[in-house]
């Protein structure tokens, strides 16, 4: 087994852990891993990631469902709308240059990371019994599905906030329901891509198996690790990955300028967080999350 394949499989376990714990993040990790570690073409990496994440989400959703953490009506309606959008996105993505897709993917990573780090506003107490209005579910599903099918990302971390904020679902239920939606629209997006892209199914199967192993562990750990700290830490990691992808894909001198800007911003944030008493980055504990933040 080559070093690149070994690294790809080990990193694939992290993909599954992310899906099992957070209900998202699979494609955010899968596309860079398959592109820069496994050496796949960007379009092949996006298409392969849709299969890997779809299969892994389906397996992880079973564990959540057994523990009563899936709202089937909301998930199936959202998923059906997402499938339509994802198939259209997959068809469109097959005709867009790989570099453009990777830049769009990196921008999605940056936007996702910022949303994760900022967290959710807890306006009302979440319950297990709320259902999203059908029209809102359909519109959200179409938009999220289109983005997912096009660049292979933006699934769970757009769906989970929608379910938690708009539908008032408890975080564990939003995560479990998100996995059902991700599985449905990932396979639809894959169908769109397969009209123009062929895959190495042996590699895809190996990566999927490793990711599923990670997702099983992640599902069992869900609820045991402070969600706020986990989300923010993963958000910082996704931000770093997004900047890395942009540096790799942007031409000179834009990539150098971006790298320097990112380094300056990171240094400024760290200085503010640890050296300035009045820094807003210190205010990480909210009245609604005291136990999670400790």
C-alpha atoms as a PDB file:
ATOM      1  CA  UNK A   1       0.000   0.000   0.000  1.00  0.00           C
ATOM      2  CA  UNK A   2       1.439   3.367  -1.018  1.00  0.00           C
ATOM      3  CA  UNK A   3       2.058   6.178   1.443  1.00  0.00           C
ATOM      4  CA  UNK A   4      -0.502   8.387  -0.309  1.00  0.00           C
ATOM      5  CA  UNK A   5      -3.196   5.707  -0.079  1.00  0.00           C
ATOM      6  CA  UNK A   6      -2.411   5.036   3.586  1.00  0.00           C
ATOM      7  CA  UNK A   7      -2.650   8.747   4.405  1.00  0.00           C
ATOM      8  CA  UNK A   8      -5.882   9.016   2.427  1.00  0.00           C
ATOM      9  CA  UNK A   9      -7.500   6.160   4.354  1.00  0.00           C
ATOM     10  CA  UNK A  10      -6.379   7.474   7.751  1.00  0.00           C
ATOM     11  CA  UNK A  11      -7.728  10.923   6.946  1.00  0.00           C
ATOM     12  CA  UNK A  12     -10.956   9.342   5.716  1.00  0.00           C
ATOM     13  CA  UNK A  13     -11.627   8.154   9.268  1.00  0.00           C
ATOM     14  CA  UNK A  14     -11.664  11.829  10.279  1.00  0.00           C
ATOM     15  CA  UNK A  15     -14.295  12.452   7.590  1.00  0.00           C
ATOM     16  CA  UNK A  16     -16.560   9.925   9.263  1.00  0.00           C
ATOM     17  CA  UNK A  17     -15.885  11.305  12.740  1.00  0.00           C
ATOM     18  CA  UNK A  18     -16.933  14.747  11.556  1.00  0.00           C
ATOM     19  CA  UNK A  19     -20.183  13.458  10.072  1.00  0.00           C
ATOM     20  CA  UNK A  20     -21.027  11.362  13.115  1.00  0.00           C
ATOM     21  CA  UNK A  21     -20.267  14.110  15.625  1.00  0.00           C
ATOM     22  CA  UNK A  22     -21.414  17.255  13.830  1.00  0.00           C
ATOM     23  CA  UNK A  23     -23.770  16.087  11.077  1.00  0.00           C
ATOM     24  CA  UNK A  24     -21.557  17.789   8.504  1.00  0.00           C
ATOM     25  CA  UNK A  25     -18.016  18.490   7.448  1.00  0.00           C
ATOM     26  CA  UNK A  26     -17.589  15.356   5.369  1.00  0.00           C
ATOM     27  CA  UNK A  27     -17.228  17.001   1.966  1.00  0.00           C
ATOM     28  CA  UNK A  28     -15.268  19.884   3.454  1.00  0.00           C
ATOM     29  CA  UNK A  29     -12.567  17.330   4.272  1.00  0.00           C
ATOM     30  CA  UNK A  30     -13.098  14.756   1.518  1.00  0.00           C
ATOM     31  CA  UNK A  31     -12.499  16.979  -1.515  1.00  0.00           C
ATOM     32  CA  UNK A  32      -9.098  18.340  -0.338  1.00  0.00           C
ATOM     33  CA  UNK A  33      -8.006  14.876   0.786  1.00  0.00           C
ATOM     34  CA  UNK A  34      -8.865  13.261  -2.542  1.00  0.00           C
ATOM     35  CA  UNK A  35      -7.379  16.158  -4.510  1.00  0.00           C
ATOM     36  CA  UNK A  36      -4.120  16.856  -2.674  1.00  0.00           C
ATOM     37  CA  UNK A  37      -3.399  13.515  -0.961  1.00  0.00           C
ATOM     38  CA  UNK A  38      -4.905  10.913  -3.312  1.00  0.00           C
ATOM     39  CA  UNK A  39      -4.090  13.004  -6.399  1.00  0.00           C
ATOM     40  CA  UNK A  40      -7.505  12.961  -8.082  1.00  0.00           C
ATOM     41  CA  UNK A  41      -8.666  15.544 -10.582  1.00  0.00           C
ATOM     42  CA  UNK A  42     -10.922  18.170  -8.864  1.00  0.00           C
ATOM     43  CA  UNK A  43     -14.055  16.965 -10.683  1.00  0.00           C
ATOM     44  CA  UNK A  44     -13.296  13.337  -9.816  1.00  0.00           C
ATOM     45  CA  UNK A  45     -12.641  14.351  -6.200  1.00  0.00           C
ATOM     46  CA  UNK A  46     -15.973  16.177  -5.954  1.00  0.00           C
ATOM     47  CA  UNK A  47     -17.874  13.279  -7.528  1.00  0.00           C
ATOM     48  CA  UNK A  48     -16.119  10.714  -5.323  1.00  0.00           C
ATOM     49  CA  UNK A  49     -16.755  12.826  -2.224  1.00  0.00           C
ATOM     50  CA  UNK A  50     -20.474  12.793  -2.970  1.00  0.00           C
ATOM     51  CA  UNK A  51     -20.504   8.981  -2.884  1.00  0.00           C
ATOM     52  CA  UNK A  52     -18.271   8.735   0.194  1.00  0.00           C
ATOM     53  CA  UNK A  53     -20.257  11.290   2.165  1.00  0.00           C
ATOM     54  CA  UNK A  54     -23.612   9.916   0.981  1.00  0.00           C
ATOM     55  CA  UNK A  55     -22.826   6.354   2.027  1.00  0.00           C
ATOM     56  CA  UNK A  56     -21.206   7.409   5.301  1.00  0.00           C
ATOM     57  CA  UNK A  57     -24.116   9.684   6.189  1.00  0.00           C
ATOM     58  CA  UNK A  58     -26.624   6.901   5.511  1.00  0.00           C
ATOM     59  CA  UNK A  59     -24.828   4.500   7.870  1.00  0.00           C
ATOM     60  CA  UNK A  60     -24.374   7.162  10.554  1.00  0.00           C
ATOM     61  CA  UNK A  61     -28.038   8.192  10.261  1.00  0.00           C
ATOM     62  CA  UNK A  62     -29.080   4.639  11.215  1.00  0.00           C
ATOM     63  CA  UNK A  63     -27.327   4.966  14.572  1.00  0.00           C
ATOM     64  CA  UNK A  64     -28.946   8.355  15.212  1.00  0.00           C
ATOM     65  CA  UNK A  65     -32.369   7.034  14.185  1.00  0.00           C
ATOM     66  CA  UNK A  66     -32.130   4.133  16.620  1.00  0.00           C
ATOM     67  CA  UNK A  67     -31.613   6.706  19.373  1.00  0.00           C
ATOM     68  CA  UNK A  68     -34.597   8.795  18.283  1.00  0.00           C
ATOM     69  CA  UNK A  69     -32.522  11.631  16.849  1.00  0.00           C
ATOM     70  CA  UNK A  70     -34.107  11.827  13.363  1.00  0.00           C
ATOM     71  CA  UNK A  71     -37.186  13.834  12.313  1.00  0.00           C
ATOM     72  CA  UNK A  72     -38.215  11.770   9.298  1.00  0.00           C
ATOM     73  CA  UNK A  73     -40.905  14.059   7.857  1.00  0.00           C
ATOM     74  CA  UNK A  74     -38.641  17.109   7.834  1.00  0.00           C
ATOM     75  CA  UNK A  75     -35.649  15.102   6.636  1.00  0.00           C
ATOM     76  CA  UNK A  76     -37.430  13.429   3.734  1.00  0.00           C
ATOM     77  CA  UNK A  77     -39.045  16.643   2.463  1.00  0.00           C
ATOM     78  CA  UNK A  78     -35.763  18.556   2.763  1.00  0.00           C
ATOM     79  CA  UNK A  79     -33.929  15.647   1.169  1.00  0.00           C
ATOM     80  CA  UNK A  80     -36.299  15.371  -1.799  1.00  0.00           C
ATOM     81  CA  UNK A  81     -35.894  19.079  -2.580  1.00  0.00           C
ATOM     82  CA  UNK A  82     -32.154  18.782  -2.043  1.00  0.00           C
ATOM     83  CA  UNK A  83     -31.941  15.875  -4.500  1.00  0.00           C
ATOM     84  CA  UNK A  84     -33.455  18.004  -7.263  1.00  0.00           C
ATOM     85  CA  UNK A  85     -31.033  20.842  -6.601  1.00  0.00           C
ATOM     86  CA  UNK A  86     -28.048  18.503  -6.218  1.00  0.00           C
ATOM     87  CA  UNK A  87     -28.684  16.686  -9.498  1.00  0.00           C
ATOM     88  CA  UNK A  88     -28.855  20.028 -11.325  1.00  0.00           C
ATOM     89  CA  UNK A  89     -25.679  21.150  -9.575  1.00  0.00           C
ATOM     90  CA  UNK A  90     -23.899  17.928 -10.514  1.00  0.00           C
ATOM     91  CA  UNK A  91     -24.867  18.325 -14.165  1.00  0.00           C
ATOM     92  CA  UNK A  92     -23.627  21.927 -14.170  1.00  0.00           C
ATOM     93  CA  UNK A  93     -20.422  21.149 -12.280  1.00  0.00           C
ATOM     94  CA  UNK A  94     -19.331  18.600 -14.869  1.00  0.00           C
ATOM     95  CA  UNK A  95     -18.975  21.411 -17.423  1.00  0.00           C
ATOM     96  CA  UNK A  96     -17.104  23.946 -15.238  1.00  0.00           C
ATOM     97  CA  UNK A  97     -13.257  24.042 -15.131  1.00  0.00           C
ATOM     98  CA  UNK A  98     -11.777  22.228 -12.137  1.00  0.00           C
ATOM     99  CA  UNK A  99      -9.852  25.271 -10.900  1.00  0.00           C
ATOM    100  CA  UNK A 100     -13.046  27.340 -10.753  1.00  0.00           C
ATOM    101  CA  UNK A 101     -14.785  24.566  -8.823  1.00  0.00           C
ATOM    102  CA  UNK A 102     -11.931  24.330  -6.310  1.00  0.00           C
ATOM    103  CA  UNK A 103     -11.884  28.091  -5.748  1.00  0.00           C
ATOM    104  CA  UNK A 104     -15.658  28.051  -5.218  1.00  0.00           C
ATOM    105  CA  UNK A 105     -15.202  25.104  -2.873  1.00  0.00           C
ATOM    106  CA  UNK A 106     -12.543  26.968  -0.873  1.00  0.00           C
ATOM    107  CA  UNK A 107     -14.777  30.018  -0.539  1.00  0.00           C
ATOM    108  CA  UNK A 108     -17.520  27.726   0.755  1.00  0.00           C
ATOM    109  CA  UNK A 109     -15.045  26.361   3.314  1.00  0.00           C
ATOM    110  CA  UNK A 110     -14.206  29.861   4.530  1.00  0.00           C
ATOM    111  CA  UNK A 111     -17.881  30.848   4.810  1.00  0.00           C
ATOM    112  CA  UNK A 112     -18.679  27.602   6.607  1.00  0.00           C
ATOM    113  CA  UNK A 113     -15.808  28.014   9.057  1.00  0.00           C
ATOM    114  CA  UNK A 114     -16.887  31.534   9.981  1.00  0.00           C
ATOM    115  CA  UNK A 115     -20.434  30.323  10.636  1.00  0.00           C
ATOM    116  CA  UNK A 116     -19.107  27.503  12.804  1.00  0.00           C
ATOM    117  CA  UNK A 117     -16.803  29.742  14.834  1.00  0.00           C
ATOM    118  CA  UNK A 118     -19.514  32.353  15.411  1.00  0.00           C
ATOM    119  CA  UNK A 119     -22.009  29.699  16.483  1.00  0.00           C
ATOM    120  CA  UNK A 120     -25.802  29.840  16.587  1.00  0.00           C
ATOM    121  CA  UNK A 121     -28.016  32.344  18.332  1.00  0.00           C
ATOM    122  CA  UNK A 122     -30.218  30.511  20.789  1.00  0.00           C
ATOM    123  CA  UNK A 123     -33.428  32.479  20.316  1.00  0.00           C
ATOM    124  CA  UNK A 124     -35.819  29.838  21.598  1.00  0.00           C
ATOM    125  CA  UNK A 125     -35.565  26.561  23.393  1.00  0.00           C
ATOM    126  CA  UNK A 126     -35.180  23.714  20.932  1.00  0.00           C
ATOM    127  CA  UNK A 127     -37.576  20.813  21.089  1.00  0.00           C
ATOM    128  CA  UNK A 128     -37.827  17.446  19.457  1.00  0.00           C
ATOM    129  CA  UNK A 129     -41.357  17.978  18.201  1.00  0.00           C
ATOM    130  CA  UNK A 130     -41.141  20.993  15.900  1.00  0.00           C
ATOM    131  CA  UNK A 131     -41.353  20.577  12.139  1.00  0.00           C
ATOM    132  CA  UNK A 132     -40.255  23.125   9.555  1.00  0.00           C
ATOM    133  CA  UNK A 133     -42.962  24.645   7.314  1.00  0.00           C
ATOM    134  CA  UNK A 134     -43.039  22.673   4.070  1.00  0.00           C
ATOM    135  CA  UNK A 135     -42.388  25.656   1.763  1.00  0.00           C
ATOM    136  CA  UNK A 136     -39.396  26.759   3.799  1.00  0.00           C
ATOM    137  CA  UNK A 137     -38.063  23.206   3.830  1.00  0.00           C
ATOM    138  CA  UNK A 138     -38.375  22.935   0.044  1.00  0.00           C
ATOM    139  CA  UNK A 139     -36.688  26.282  -0.660  1.00  0.00           C
ATOM    140  CA  UNK A 140     -33.831  25.551   1.752  1.00  0.00           C
ATOM    141  CA  UNK A 141     -33.437  22.082   0.272  1.00  0.00           C
ATOM    142  CA  UNK A 142     -33.218  23.340  -3.310  1.00  0.00           C
ATOM    143  CA  UNK A 143     -30.569  25.945  -2.491  1.00  0.00           C
ATOM    144  CA  UNK A 144     -28.447  23.657  -0.327  1.00  0.00           C
ATOM    145  CA  UNK A 145     -28.768  20.827  -2.842  1.00  0.00           C
ATOM    146  CA  UNK A 146     -27.643  23.043  -5.724  1.00  0.00           C
ATOM    147  CA  UNK A 147     -24.542  24.160  -3.815  1.00  0.00           C
ATOM    148  CA  UNK A 148     -23.729  20.619  -2.708  1.00  0.00           C
ATOM    149  CA  UNK A 149     -24.128  19.139  -6.177  1.00  0.00           C
ATOM    150  CA  UNK A 150     -22.036  21.891  -7.763  1.00  0.00           C
ATOM    151  CA  UNK A 151     -18.961  21.956  -5.497  1.00  0.00           C
ATOM    152  CA  UNK A 152     -19.497  18.880  -3.322  1.00  0.00           C
ATOM    153  CA  UNK A 153     -19.673  20.901  -0.111  1.00  0.00           C
ATOM    154  CA  UNK A 154     -21.950  22.994   2.018  1.00  0.00           C
ATOM    155  CA  UNK A 155     -24.298  20.219   3.045  1.00  0.00           C
ATOM    156  CA  UNK A 156     -24.391  19.502   6.745  1.00  0.00           C
ATOM    157  CA  UNK A 157     -23.157  22.857   7.929  1.00  0.00           C
ATOM    158  CA  UNK A 158     -25.960  24.576   6.037  1.00  0.00           C
ATOM    159  CA  UNK A 159     -28.625  22.011   6.920  1.00  0.00           C
ATOM    160  CA  UNK A 160     -27.922  21.694  10.651  1.00  0.00           C
ATOM    161  CA  UNK A 161     -28.263  25.445  11.342  1.00  0.00           C
ATOM    162  CA  UNK A 162     -31.454  25.543   9.255  1.00  0.00           C
ATOM    163  CA  UNK A 163     -32.972  22.693  11.233  1.00  0.00           C
ATOM    164  CA  UNK A 164     -31.783  24.024  14.593  1.00  0.00           C
ATOM    165  CA  UNK A 165     -32.569  27.700  14.040  1.00  0.00           C
ATOM    166  CA  UNK A 166     -35.609  27.747  11.756  1.00  0.00           C
ATOM    167  CA  UNK A 167     -37.192  24.512  12.921  1.00  0.00           C
ATOM    168  CA  UNK A 168     -36.267  24.716  16.580  1.00  0.00           C
ATOM    169  CA  UNK A 169     -34.905  21.172  16.602  1.00  0.00           C
ATOM    170  CA  UNK A 170     -32.550  20.154  19.373  1.00  0.00           C
ATOM    171  CA  UNK A 171     -28.942  19.974  18.204  1.00  0.00           C
ATOM    172  CA  UNK A 172     -28.702  16.133  18.371  1.00  0.00           C
ATOM    173  CA  UNK A 173     -31.963  15.818  16.386  1.00  0.00           C
ATOM    174  CA  UNK A 174     -30.780  18.407  13.838  1.00  0.00           C
ATOM    175  CA  UNK A 175     -27.552  16.427  13.389  1.00  0.00           C
ATOM    176  CA  UNK A 176     -29.355  13.109  12.916  1.00  0.00           C
ATOM    177  CA  UNK A 177     -31.905  14.581  10.500  1.00  0.00           C
ATOM    178  CA  UNK A 178     -29.136  16.348   8.581  1.00  0.00           C
ATOM    179  CA  UNK A 179     -27.473  13.011   7.864  1.00  0.00           C
ATOM    180  CA  UNK A 180     -30.626  11.710   6.152  1.00  0.00           C
ATOM    181  CA  UNK A 181     -30.750  14.815   3.966  1.00  0.00           C
ATOM    182  CA  UNK A 182     -27.029  14.622   3.136  1.00  0.00           C
ATOM    183  CA  UNK A 183     -27.322  10.988   2.048  1.00  0.00           C
ATOM    184  CA  UNK A 184     -30.233  11.685  -0.294  1.00  0.00           C
ATOM    185  CA  UNK A 185     -28.801  14.739  -2.023  1.00  0.00           C
ATOM    186  CA  UNK A 186     -25.243  13.406  -2.193  1.00  0.00           C
ATOM    187  CA  UNK A 187     -26.359  10.446  -4.303  1.00  0.00           C
ATOM    188  CA  UNK A 188     -28.438  12.768  -6.482  1.00  0.00           C
ATOM    189  CA  UNK A 189     -25.439  15.042  -7.028  1.00  0.00           C
ATOM    190  CA  UNK A 190     -23.300  12.018  -7.837  1.00  0.00           C
ATOM    191  CA  UNK A 191     -25.811  11.008 -10.496  1.00  0.00           C
ATOM    192  CA  UNK A 192     -25.376  14.387 -12.142  1.00  0.00           C
ATOM    193  CA  UNK A 193     -21.577  14.167 -12.116  1.00  0.00           C
ATOM    194  CA  UNK A 194     -21.466  10.617 -13.464  1.00  0.00           C
ATOM    195  CA  UNK A 195     -22.828  11.878 -16.760  1.00  0.00           C
ATOM    196  CA  UNK A 196     -19.408  13.473 -17.410  1.00  0.00           C
ATOM    197  CA  UNK A 197     -16.960  11.951 -14.865  1.00  0.00           C
ATOM    198  CA  UNK A 198     -15.702   8.379 -14.310  1.00  0.00           C
ATOM    199  CA  UNK A 199     -14.381   7.164 -10.947  1.00  0.00           C
ATOM    200  CA  UNK A 200     -11.838   4.700  -9.554  1.00  0.00           C
ATOM    201  CA  UNK A 201     -14.398   2.663  -7.636  1.00  0.00           C
ATOM    202  CA  UNK A 202     -11.763   0.642  -5.803  1.00  0.00           C
ATOM    203  CA  UNK A 203     -10.344   3.792  -4.223  1.00  0.00           C
ATOM    204  CA  UNK A 204     -13.819   5.174  -3.590  1.00  0.00           C
ATOM    205  CA  UNK A 205     -14.858   1.956  -1.814  1.00  0.00           C
ATOM    206  CA  UNK A 206     -11.743   1.971   0.394  1.00  0.00           C
ATOM    207  CA  UNK A 207     -12.214   5.601   1.393  1.00  0.00           C
ATOM    208  CA  UNK A 208     -15.910   4.988   2.052  1.00  0.00           C
ATOM    209  CA  UNK A 209     -15.173   2.021   4.322  1.00  0.00           C
ATOM    210  CA  UNK A 210     -12.682   4.056   6.357  1.00  0.00           C
ATOM    211  CA  UNK A 211     -15.115   6.964   6.628  1.00  0.00           C
ATOM    212  CA  UNK A 212     -17.949   4.671   7.741  1.00  0.00           C
ATOM    213  CA  UNK A 213     -15.734   3.291  10.509  1.00  0.00           C
ATOM    214  CA  UNK A 214     -15.126   6.837  11.694  1.00  0.00           C
ATOM    215  CA  UNK A 215     -18.812   7.754  11.485  1.00  0.00           C
ATOM    216  CA  UNK A 216     -19.812   4.837  13.722  1.00  0.00           C
ATOM    217  CA  UNK A 217     -17.378   6.063  16.362  1.00  0.00           C
ATOM    218  CA  UNK A 218     -18.545   9.640  15.887  1.00  0.00           C
ATOM    219  CA  UNK A 219     -22.217   8.713  16.287  1.00  0.00           C
ATOM    220  CA  UNK A 220     -21.457   6.943  19.549  1.00  0.00           C
ATOM    221  CA  UNK A 221     -19.515   9.962  20.820  1.00  0.00           C
ATOM    222  CA  UNK A 222     -22.246  12.440  19.827  1.00  0.00           C
ATOM    223  CA  UNK A 223     -23.481  14.277  22.891  1.00  0.00           C
ATOM    224  CA  UNK A 224     -20.488  13.290  25.041  1.00  0.00           C
ATOM    225  CA  UNK A 225     -18.136  15.986  23.754  1.00  0.00           C
ATOM    226  CA  UNK A 226     -18.998  19.678  24.376  1.00  0.00           C
ATOM    227  CA  UNK A 227     -20.586  20.699  21.093  1.00  0.00           C
ATOM    228  CA  UNK A 228     -19.636  24.394  21.265  1.00  0.00           C
ATOM    229  CA  UNK A 229     -15.933  23.733  21.775  1.00  0.00           C
ATOM    230  CA  UNK A 230     -15.930  20.974  19.149  1.00  0.00           C
ATOM    231  CA  UNK A 231     -17.688  23.157  16.587  1.00  0.00           C
ATOM    232  CA  UNK A 232     -15.365  26.136  17.088  1.00  0.00           C
ATOM    233  CA  UNK A 233     -12.232  24.007  17.003  1.00  0.00           C
ATOM    234  CA  UNK A 234     -13.348  22.294  13.831  1.00  0.00           C
ATOM    235  CA  UNK A 235     -14.297  25.676  12.376  1.00  0.00           C
ATOM    236  CA  UNK A 236     -10.744  26.947  12.844  1.00  0.00           C
ATOM    237  CA  UNK A 237      -9.417  23.822  11.138  1.00  0.00           C
ATOM    238  CA  UNK A 238     -11.821  24.244   8.204  1.00  0.00           C
ATOM    239  CA  UNK A 239     -10.772  27.900   7.863  1.00  0.00           C
ATOM    240  CA  UNK A 240      -7.117  26.868   7.647  1.00  0.00           C
ATOM    241  CA  UNK A 241      -7.993  24.233   5.035  1.00  0.00           C
ATOM    242  CA  UNK A 242      -9.963  26.771   3.006  1.00  0.00           C
ATOM    243  CA  UNK A 243      -7.041  29.190   2.938  1.00  0.00           C
ATOM    244  CA  UNK A 244      -4.724  26.318   1.964  1.00  0.00           C
ATOM    245  CA  UNK A 245      -6.924  25.375  -0.992  1.00  0.00           C
ATOM    246  CA  UNK A 246      -7.122  28.996  -2.149  1.00  0.00           C
ATOM    247  CA  UNK A 247      -3.337  29.352  -1.948  1.00  0.00           C
ATOM    248  CA  UNK A 248      -2.979  26.171  -4.022  1.00  0.00           C
ATOM    249  CA  UNK A 249      -5.495  27.203  -6.686  1.00  0.00           C
ATOM    250  CA  UNK A 250      -5.037  30.964  -7.083  1.00  0.00           C
ATOM    251  CA  UNK A 251      -2.349  32.183  -9.511  1.00  0.00           C
ATOM    252  CA  UNK A 252       0.685  34.234  -8.481  1.00  0.00           C
ATOM    253  CA  UNK A 253       0.828  36.770  -6.872  1.00  0.00           C
ATOM    254  CA  UNK A 254      -2.721  36.469  -5.515  1.00  0.00           C
ATOM    255  CA  UNK A 255      -1.907  33.292  -3.569  1.00  0.00           C
ATOM    256  CA  UNK A 256       1.108  34.932  -1.879  1.00  0.00           C
ATOM    257  CA  UNK A 257      -0.951  37.979  -0.909  1.00  0.00           C
ATOM    258  CA  UNK A 258      -3.665  35.699   0.481  1.00  0.00           C
ATOM    259  CA  UNK A 259      -1.173  33.662   2.510  1.00  0.00           C
ATOM    260  CA  UNK A 260       0.386  36.783   4.034  1.00  0.00           C
ATOM    261  CA  UNK A 261      -3.031  38.291   4.799  1.00  0.00           C
ATOM    262  CA  UNK A 262      -4.198  35.070   6.465  1.00  0.00           C
ATOM    263  CA  UNK A 263      -1.036  34.912   8.592  1.00  0.00           C
ATOM    264  CA  UNK A 264      -1.446  38.550   9.710  1.00  0.00           C
ATOM    265  CA  UNK A 265      -5.125  38.024  10.573  1.00  0.00           C
ATOM    266  CA  UNK A 266      -4.337  34.841  12.507  1.00  0.00           C
ATOM    267  CA  UNK A 267      -1.568  36.575  14.454  1.00  0.00           C
ATOM    268  CA  UNK A 268      -3.881  39.504  15.178  1.00  0.00           C
ATOM    269  CA  UNK A 269      -6.664  37.219  16.378  1.00  0.00           C
ATOM    270  CA  UNK A 270      -4.324  35.302  18.688  1.00  0.00           C
ATOM    271  CA  UNK A 271      -2.882  38.533  20.078  1.00  0.00           C
ATOM    272  CA  UNK A 272      -6.356  39.909  20.689  1.00  0.00           C
ATOM    273  CA  UNK A 273      -7.592  36.683  22.257  1.00  0.00           C
ATOM    274  CA  UNK A 274      -4.739  36.218  24.711  1.00  0.00           C
ATOM    275  CA  UNK A 275      -3.207  39.685  25.254  1.00  0.00           C
ATOM    276  CA  UNK A 276      -6.060  42.219  25.155  1.00  0.00           C
ATOM    277  CA  UNK A 277      -8.546  42.046  28.075  1.00  0.00           C
ATOM    278  CA  UNK A 278     -11.318  43.853  26.173  1.00  0.00           C
ATOM    279  CA  UNK A 279     -10.999  41.674  23.057  1.00  0.00           C
ATOM    280  CA  UNK A 280     -14.415  40.382  21.890  1.00  0.00           C
ATOM    281  CA  UNK A 281     -12.793  37.030  21.063  1.00  0.00           C
ATOM    282  CA  UNK A 282     -12.531  36.417  24.804  1.00  0.00           C
ATOM    283  CA  UNK A 283     -16.307  36.423  25.108  1.00  0.00           C
ATOM    284  CA  UNK A 284     -16.791  32.795  24.205  1.00  0.00           C
ATOM    285  CA  UNK A 285     -19.082  31.824  27.095  1.00  0.00           C
ATOM    286  CA  UNK A 286     -22.731  32.754  26.682  1.00  0.00           C
ATOM    287  CA  UNK A 287     -25.568  32.393  29.199  1.00  0.00           C
ATOM    288  CA  UNK A 288     -27.030  29.583  27.100  1.00  0.00           C
ATOM    289  CA  UNK A 289     -23.822  27.524  26.853  1.00  0.00           C
ATOM    290  CA  UNK A 290     -22.064  27.590  30.251  1.00  0.00           C
ATOM    291  CA  UNK A 291     -21.680  23.834  30.553  1.00  0.00           C
ATOM    292  CA  UNK A 292     -20.508  23.361  26.993  1.00  0.00           C
ATOM    293  CA  UNK A 293     -17.874  26.059  27.106  1.00  0.00           C
ATOM    294  CA  UNK A 294     -16.190  24.849  30.262  1.00  0.00           C
END
